[in-house]
C-alpha atoms as a PDB file:
ATOM      1  CA  MET A   1      -1.387 -16.395  41.279  1.00  0.00           C
ATOM      2  CA  ALA A   2       1.192 -17.435  43.008  1.00  0.00           C
ATOM      3  CA  GLY A   3       4.255 -19.273  41.280  1.00  0.00           C
ATOM      4  CA  GLN A   4       2.536 -18.177  38.263  1.00  0.00           C
ATOM      5  CA  LYS A   5       4.975 -16.300  35.586  1.00  0.00           C
ATOM      6  CA  PRO A   6       4.039 -13.130  34.062  1.00  0.00           C
ATOM      7  CA  ARG A   7       3.448 -13.399  30.317  1.00  0.00           C
ATOM      8  CA  LEU A   8       4.915 -11.584  27.499  1.00  0.00           C
ATOM      9  CA  THR A   9       2.612  -9.890  24.820  1.00  0.00           C
ATOM     10  CA  LEU A  10       4.482  -8.861  22.047  1.00  0.00           C
ATOM     11  CA  VAL A  11       2.852  -5.686  20.456  1.00  0.00           C
ATOM     12  CA  LYS A  12       3.301  -5.505  16.123  1.00  0.00           C
ATOM     13  CA  PRO A  13       3.300  -1.676  14.930  1.00  0.00           C
ATOM     14  CA  HIS A  14       0.501  -0.730  13.269  1.00  0.00           C
ATOM     15  CA  TYR A  15       0.242   1.384   9.868  1.00  0.00           C
ATOM     16  CA  THR A  16      -1.842   3.149   8.038  1.00  0.00           C
ATOM     17  CA  LEU A  17      -1.947   2.065   3.896  1.00  0.00           C
ATOM     18  CA  SER A  18      -2.688   4.875   1.383  1.00  0.00           C
ATOM     19  CA  TYR A  19      -4.085   3.646  -1.673  1.00  0.00           C
ATOM     20  CA  GLY A  20      -6.761   5.046  -4.285  1.00  0.00           C
ATOM     21  CA  MET A  21      -8.361   3.212  -7.556  1.00  0.00           C
ATOM     22  CA  ARG A  22      -9.968   5.014 -10.805  1.00  0.00           C
ATOM     23  CA  LEU A  23     -10.679   3.062 -14.266  1.00  0.00           C
ATOM     24  CA  ASP A  24     -11.582   5.231 -16.623  1.00  0.00           C
ATOM     25  CA  LYS A  25     -11.916   4.535 -21.025  1.00  0.00           C
ATOM     26  CA  GLY A  26      -8.782   4.970 -22.526  1.00  0.00           C
ATOM     27  CA  THR A  27      -5.008   4.634 -21.729  1.00  0.00           C
ATOM     28  CA  VAL A  28      -2.397   7.381 -20.509  1.00  0.00           C
ATOM     29  CA  PRO A  29       1.268   6.300 -20.558  1.00  0.00           C
ATOM     30  CA  GLU A  30       1.872   4.130 -18.157  1.00  0.00           C
ATOM     31  CA  CYS A  31       5.373   5.395 -17.448  1.00  0.00           C
ATOM     32  CA  SER A  32       3.431   8.230 -15.909  1.00  0.00           C
ATOM     33  CA  HIS A  33       3.961   8.047 -11.972  1.00  0.00           C
ATOM     34  CA  PRO A  34       1.949  11.974 -11.333  1.00  0.00           C
ATOM     35  CA  HIS A  35       2.582  12.484  -7.208  1.00  0.00           C
ATOM     36  CA  VAL A  36       0.353  13.873  -5.323  1.00  0.00           C
ATOM     37  CA  SER A  37       0.648  15.544  -1.350  1.00  0.00           C
ATOM     38  CA  VAL A  38      -0.919  12.564   1.564  1.00  0.00           C
ATOM     39  CA  PRO A  39      -1.822  13.936   4.717  1.00  0.00           C
ATOM     40  CA  LEU A  40       0.329  11.395   6.930  1.00  0.00           C
ATOM     41  CA  PRO A  41      -1.511  10.496  10.979  1.00  0.00           C
ATOM     42  CA  ASP A  42       1.618  12.875  12.918  1.00  0.00           C
ATOM     43  CA  GLY A  43      -0.261  16.077  10.745  1.00  0.00           C
ATOM     44  CA  SER A  44       2.400  16.160   8.255  1.00  0.00           C
ATOM     45  CA  GLU A  45       2.284  15.447   4.313  1.00  0.00           C
ATOM     46  CA  GLY A  46       4.021  13.047   2.503  1.00  0.00           C
ATOM     47  CA  GLY A  47       4.403  12.486  -1.074  1.00  0.00           C
ATOM     48  CA  MET A  48       2.844   8.927  -3.305  1.00  0.00           C
ATOM     49  CA  ALA A  49       3.081   8.088  -6.337  1.00  0.00           C
ATOM     50  CA  LEU A  50       0.623   7.200  -8.616  1.00  0.00           C
ATOM     51  CA  HIS A  51       0.971   4.303 -10.765  1.00  0.00           C
ATOM     52  CA  VAL A  52      -1.199   3.556 -14.309  1.00  0.00           C
ATOM     53  CA  MET A  53      -1.735   0.123 -15.662  1.00  0.00           C
ATOM     54  CA  ASN A  54      -3.093   0.138 -19.194  1.00  0.00           C
ATOM     55  CA  GLY A  55      -5.700  -3.508 -20.285  1.00  0.00           C
ATOM     56  CA  THR A  56      -9.038  -5.504 -19.791  1.00  0.00           C
ATOM     57  CA  PRO A  57     -10.132  -5.393 -16.380  1.00  0.00           C
ATOM     58  CA  GLU A  58      -9.225  -8.592 -15.579  1.00  0.00           C
ATOM     59  CA  GLU A  59      -5.492  -7.746 -16.853  1.00  0.00           C
ATOM     60  CA  ILE A  60      -5.185  -4.761 -14.557  1.00  0.00           C
ATOM     61  CA  LYS A  61      -6.753  -6.680 -11.405  1.00  0.00           C
ATOM     62  CA  ALA A  62      -3.975  -9.427 -12.099  1.00  0.00           C
ATOM     63  CA  ARG A  63      -1.342  -7.017 -12.152  1.00  0.00           C
ATOM     64  CA  LEU A  64      -2.740  -5.094  -9.396  1.00  0.00           C
ATOM     65  CA  LEU A  65      -2.602  -8.170  -7.686  1.00  0.00           C
ATOM     66  CA  GLU A  66       0.912  -8.871  -8.010  1.00  0.00           C
ATOM     67  CA  SER A  67       2.212  -5.374  -7.574  1.00  0.00           C
ATOM     68  CA  VAL A  68       0.438  -5.530  -4.008  1.00  0.00           C
ATOM     69  CA  ASP A  69       2.401  -9.232  -3.395  1.00  0.00           C
ATOM     70  CA  ALA A  70       5.764  -6.681  -4.146  1.00  0.00           C
ATOM     71  CA  PHE A  71       4.664  -4.060  -1.732  1.00  0.00           C
ATOM     72  CA  PHE A  72       4.968  -6.867   1.147  1.00  0.00           C
ATOM     73  CA  ASP A  73       7.704  -8.420  -0.188  1.00  0.00           C
ATOM     74  CA  LEU A  74       9.505  -5.081  -0.046  1.00  0.00           C
ATOM     75  CA  HIS A  75       7.945  -3.556   3.532  1.00  0.00           C
ATOM     76  CA  ALA A  76       8.340  -7.353   4.773  1.00  0.00           C
ATOM     77  CA  ASP A  77      10.138  -6.167   7.561  1.00  0.00           C
ATOM     78  CA  ALA A  78       8.474  -3.880   8.737  1.00  0.00           C
END
C-alpha cells in the first residue's frame, strides 16, 4: 500500500542444545567429568563434558534445574 513504511523483522539466531540424562543406582565421584564427542550441525565434531550429580531424585532434579539456569545465564548474550 502506498504511504506505508516497510516493517523490519528481527531474526533471532537458532541453536541446537545437546544433552543426555541417565539415572543409575549407586554413586560415582562427582568430580569426574568425562568428555564425549558430539556431531555438530555443520558435520564436524565437538566435545561435551558429562556432569555427574549424586543424591535423591528430588535433590538431583533441584541441582539439575539450577545448573540449567546457570548455563543459560552464562550464555545470555547468545
